[in-house]
């Protein structure tokens, strides 16, 4: 299986992100959305999970995959192409930058924070932007 994680990388907010101050993702009809689950997992456990861990765990929670089946389901999940955190609404819509450390573990930083600015100016990191929401 191909490693889909980023290492020593900072994902800046998308060019067309509409917020200047990071916002907390909201539930929809009382249910936790993908951005809410990603936000909670990353902020409650900074630098504990990789991008792959976050993407699969959110998928597993939303699809009620039992814990004992997760290893097999994870292999199936990554056997076909999956979007990365560059496509997450955290960076596209809500104003959160995503830092991947040397082990590929992730944490998020508000666009208005000093830490965010520090990551943007860190020449030792690879810099990419979250995907744009529009096609322009």
C-alpha atoms as a PDB file:
ATOM      1  CA  UNK A   1       0.000   0.000   0.000  1.00  0.00           C
ATOM      2  CA  UNK A   2       1.317   3.439  -0.964  1.00  0.00           C
ATOM      3  CA  UNK A   3       2.049   5.916   1.837  1.00  0.00           C
ATOM      4  CA  UNK A   4      -0.394   8.822   1.399  1.00  0.00           C
ATOM      5  CA  UNK A   5       0.937  10.941   4.269  1.00  0.00           C
ATOM      6  CA  UNK A   6       2.747  14.255   4.018  1.00  0.00           C
ATOM      7  CA  UNK A   7       5.978  14.848   5.955  1.00  0.00           C
ATOM      8  CA  UNK A   8       7.451  18.196   7.038  1.00  0.00           C
ATOM      9  CA  UNK A   9       4.639  19.928   5.143  1.00  0.00           C
ATOM     10  CA  UNK A  10       2.297  22.822   5.846  1.00  0.00           C
ATOM     11  CA  UNK A  11      -1.078  23.029   4.115  1.00  0.00           C
ATOM     12  CA  UNK A  12      -2.111  26.687   4.075  1.00  0.00           C
ATOM     13  CA  UNK A  13      -5.745  27.720   3.726  1.00  0.00           C
ATOM     14  CA  UNK A  14      -7.140  27.830   0.198  1.00  0.00           C
ATOM     15  CA  UNK A  15      -6.727  30.985  -1.866  1.00  0.00           C
ATOM     16  CA  UNK A  16     -10.495  31.397  -1.985  1.00  0.00           C
ATOM     17  CA  UNK A  17     -11.140  30.668   1.707  1.00  0.00           C
ATOM     18  CA  UNK A  18     -13.793  33.178   2.780  1.00  0.00           C
ATOM     19  CA  UNK A  19     -12.753  33.605   6.431  1.00  0.00           C
ATOM     20  CA  UNK A  20      -9.933  35.693   7.901  1.00  0.00           C
ATOM     21  CA  UNK A  21     -10.392  34.208  11.382  1.00  0.00           C
ATOM     22  CA  UNK A  22     -10.683  30.434  11.753  1.00  0.00           C
ATOM     23  CA  UNK A  23     -14.140  29.094  12.539  1.00  0.00           C
ATOM     24  CA  UNK A  24     -15.233  25.921  14.279  1.00  0.00           C
ATOM     25  CA  UNK A  25     -17.010  23.493  11.948  1.00  0.00           C
ATOM     26  CA  UNK A  26     -20.698  23.063  12.730  1.00  0.00           C
ATOM     27  CA  UNK A  27     -22.892  20.005  13.057  1.00  0.00           C
ATOM     28  CA  UNK A  28     -25.741  19.578  10.603  1.00  0.00           C
ATOM     29  CA  UNK A  29     -29.140  18.540  11.939  1.00  0.00           C
ATOM     30  CA  UNK A  30     -27.439  17.436  15.153  1.00  0.00           C
ATOM     31  CA  UNK A  31     -25.065  15.093  13.326  1.00  0.00           C
ATOM     32  CA  UNK A  32     -21.305  15.517  13.242  1.00  0.00           C
ATOM     33  CA  UNK A  33     -20.108  16.392   9.751  1.00  0.00           C
ATOM     34  CA  UNK A  34     -16.792  15.291   8.240  1.00  0.00           C
ATOM     35  CA  UNK A  35     -15.141  18.630   9.136  1.00  0.00           C
ATOM     36  CA  UNK A  36     -16.426  18.389  12.726  1.00  0.00           C
ATOM     37  CA  UNK A  37     -15.019  14.862  13.101  1.00  0.00           C
ATOM     38  CA  UNK A  38     -11.679  15.869  11.554  1.00  0.00           C
ATOM     39  CA  UNK A  39     -11.470  18.985  13.729  1.00  0.00           C
ATOM     40  CA  UNK A  40     -12.241  17.077  16.936  1.00  0.00           C
ATOM     41  CA  UNK A  41      -9.826  14.255  16.173  1.00  0.00           C
ATOM     42  CA  UNK A  42      -6.940  16.577  15.318  1.00  0.00           C
ATOM     43  CA  UNK A  43      -7.453  19.232  18.007  1.00  0.00           C
ATOM     44  CA  UNK A  44      -8.065  16.679  20.763  1.00  0.00           C
ATOM     45  CA  UNK A  45      -4.930  14.749  19.770  1.00  0.00           C
ATOM     46  CA  UNK A  46      -2.397  17.085  18.088  1.00  0.00           C
ATOM     47  CA  UNK A  47       0.486  15.250  16.435  1.00  0.00           C
ATOM     48  CA  UNK A  48      -0.950  11.873  17.404  1.00  0.00           C
ATOM     49  CA  UNK A  49      -2.486  10.858  14.053  1.00  0.00           C
ATOM     50  CA  UNK A  50      -1.343  10.859  10.453  1.00  0.00           C
ATOM     51  CA  UNK A  51      -3.415  12.095   7.549  1.00  0.00           C
ATOM     52  CA  UNK A  52      -4.257   8.459   6.723  1.00  0.00           C
ATOM     53  CA  UNK A  53      -5.393   7.847  10.310  1.00  0.00           C
ATOM     54  CA  UNK A  54      -7.686  10.888  10.232  1.00  0.00           C
ATOM     55  CA  UNK A  55      -9.176  10.135   6.822  1.00  0.00           C
ATOM     56  CA  UNK A  56      -9.884   6.485   7.651  1.00  0.00           C
ATOM     57  CA  UNK A  57     -11.158   7.060  11.198  1.00  0.00           C
ATOM     58  CA  UNK A  58     -13.664   9.647   9.987  1.00  0.00           C
ATOM     59  CA  UNK A  59     -14.792   7.248   7.251  1.00  0.00           C
ATOM     60  CA  UNK A  60     -15.077   4.413   9.807  1.00  0.00           C
ATOM     61  CA  UNK A  61     -17.112   6.511  12.245  1.00  0.00           C
ATOM     62  CA  UNK A  62     -19.478   7.774   9.568  1.00  0.00           C
ATOM     63  CA  UNK A  63     -19.999   4.237   8.258  1.00  0.00           C
ATOM     64  CA  UNK A  64     -20.299   2.549  11.667  1.00  0.00           C
ATOM     65  CA  UNK A  65     -17.454   0.134  10.984  1.00  0.00           C
ATOM     66  CA  UNK A  66     -16.903  -2.045  14.075  1.00  0.00           C
ATOM     67  CA  UNK A  67     -13.459  -1.777  15.681  1.00  0.00           C
ATOM     68  CA  UNK A  68     -12.694  -5.453  15.036  1.00  0.00           C
ATOM     69  CA  UNK A  69     -13.200  -4.960  11.257  1.00  0.00           C
ATOM     70  CA  UNK A  70     -11.218  -1.744  10.917  1.00  0.00           C
ATOM     71  CA  UNK A  71      -7.877  -3.264   9.932  1.00  0.00           C
ATOM     72  CA  UNK A  72      -9.405  -5.094   6.963  1.00  0.00           C
ATOM     73  CA  UNK A  73     -11.617  -2.124   6.067  1.00  0.00           C
ATOM     74  CA  UNK A  74      -8.647   0.238   6.218  1.00  0.00           C
ATOM     75  CA  UNK A  75      -6.794  -1.888   3.679  1.00  0.00           C
ATOM     76  CA  UNK A  76      -9.855  -1.831   1.403  1.00  0.00           C
ATOM     77  CA  UNK A  77     -10.320   1.921   1.936  1.00  0.00           C
ATOM     78  CA  UNK A  78      -6.792   2.750   0.808  1.00  0.00           C
ATOM     79  CA  UNK A  79      -6.760   0.199  -2.039  1.00  0.00           C
ATOM     80  CA  UNK A  80      -8.436   2.858  -4.161  1.00  0.00           C
ATOM     81  CA  UNK A  81      -7.522   6.517  -4.382  1.00  0.00           C
ATOM     82  CA  UNK A  82      -8.614   8.734  -1.494  1.00  0.00           C
ATOM     83  CA  UNK A  83      -8.586  12.503  -1.158  1.00  0.00           C
ATOM     84  CA  UNK A  84      -6.014  14.010   1.179  1.00  0.00           C
ATOM     85  CA  UNK A  85      -6.396  16.720   3.812  1.00  0.00           C
ATOM     86  CA  UNK A  86      -5.813  19.354   1.118  1.00  0.00           C
ATOM     87  CA  UNK A  87      -9.447  18.712   0.175  1.00  0.00           C
ATOM     88  CA  UNK A  88     -10.714  19.097   3.742  1.00  0.00           C
ATOM     89  CA  UNK A  89     -13.139  21.901   4.523  1.00  0.00           C
ATOM     90  CA  UNK A  90     -10.875  22.768   7.451  1.00  0.00           C
ATOM     91  CA  UNK A  91      -8.524  24.507   5.018  1.00  0.00           C
ATOM     92  CA  UNK A  92     -10.979  25.265   2.230  1.00  0.00           C
ATOM     93  CA  UNK A  93     -13.787  26.854   4.215  1.00  0.00           C
ATOM     94  CA  UNK A  94     -13.023  27.137   7.957  1.00  0.00           C
ATOM     95  CA  UNK A  95      -9.565  28.792   7.996  1.00  0.00           C
ATOM     96  CA  UNK A  96      -7.333  26.100   9.510  1.00  0.00           C
ATOM     97  CA  UNK A  97      -3.793  25.371   8.320  1.00  0.00           C
ATOM     98  CA  UNK A  98      -2.565  21.808   8.713  1.00  0.00           C
ATOM     99  CA  UNK A  99       0.994  21.007   9.779  1.00  0.00           C
ATOM    100  CA  UNK A 100       2.473  17.555   9.134  1.00  0.00           C
ATOM    101  CA  UNK A 101       5.591  16.882  11.222  1.00  0.00           C
ATOM    102  CA  UNK A 102       8.554  14.634  10.378  1.00  0.00           C
ATOM    103  CA  UNK A 103       6.578  11.524  11.376  1.00  0.00           C
ATOM    104  CA  UNK A 104       3.579  12.597   9.268  1.00  0.00           C
ATOM    105  CA  UNK A 105       1.502  13.409  12.374  1.00  0.00           C
ATOM    106  CA  UNK A 106      -0.869  16.374  12.044  1.00  0.00           C
ATOM    107  CA  UNK A 107      -2.038  19.400  14.019  1.00  0.00           C
ATOM    108  CA  UNK A 108      -4.108  22.397  12.914  1.00  0.00           C
ATOM    109  CA  UNK A 109      -3.559  26.112  13.383  1.00  0.00           C
ATOM    110  CA  UNK A 110      -5.931  29.042  12.989  1.00  0.00           C
ATOM    111  CA  UNK A 111      -5.160  31.264  10.003  1.00  0.00           C
ATOM    112  CA  UNK A 112      -4.886  34.342  12.235  1.00  0.00           C
ATOM    113  CA  UNK A 113      -2.465  32.726  14.734  1.00  0.00           C
ATOM    114  CA  UNK A 114       1.239  33.443  15.146  1.00  0.00           C
ATOM    115  CA  UNK A 115       1.964  29.710  14.772  1.00  0.00           C
ATOM    116  CA  UNK A 116       0.244  29.729  11.357  1.00  0.00           C
ATOM    117  CA  UNK A 117       2.422  32.662  10.240  1.00  0.00           C
ATOM    118  CA  UNK A 118       5.515  30.923  11.575  1.00  0.00           C
ATOM    119  CA  UNK A 119       4.735  27.777   9.548  1.00  0.00           C
ATOM    120  CA  UNK A 120       4.147  29.887   6.420  1.00  0.00           C
ATOM    121  CA  UNK A 121       7.607  31.415   6.828  1.00  0.00           C
ATOM    122  CA  UNK A 122       9.407  28.180   7.732  1.00  0.00           C
ATOM    123  CA  UNK A 123      11.665  27.435   4.774  1.00  0.00           C
ATOM    124  CA  UNK A 124      12.417  23.931   6.066  1.00  0.00           C
ATOM    125  CA  UNK A 125       8.814  22.878   5.293  1.00  0.00           C
ATOM    126  CA  UNK A 126       7.190  22.000   2.011  1.00  0.00           C
ATOM    127  CA  UNK A 127       4.295  24.428   1.428  1.00  0.00           C
ATOM    128  CA  UNK A 128       1.055  23.579  -0.360  1.00  0.00           C
ATOM    129  CA  UNK A 129      -2.375  25.168  -0.266  1.00  0.00           C
ATOM    130  CA  UNK A 130      -5.709  23.591   0.482  1.00  0.00           C
ATOM    131  CA  UNK A 131      -7.722  22.999  -2.667  1.00  0.00           C
ATOM    132  CA  UNK A 132      -9.823  25.873  -3.910  1.00  0.00           C
ATOM    133  CA  UNK A 133     -13.580  25.588  -3.529  1.00  0.00           C
ATOM    134  CA  UNK A 134     -14.223  27.181  -6.924  1.00  0.00           C
ATOM    135  CA  UNK A 135     -12.719  26.233 -10.277  1.00  0.00           C
ATOM    136  CA  UNK A 136     -11.650  29.735 -11.280  1.00  0.00           C
END
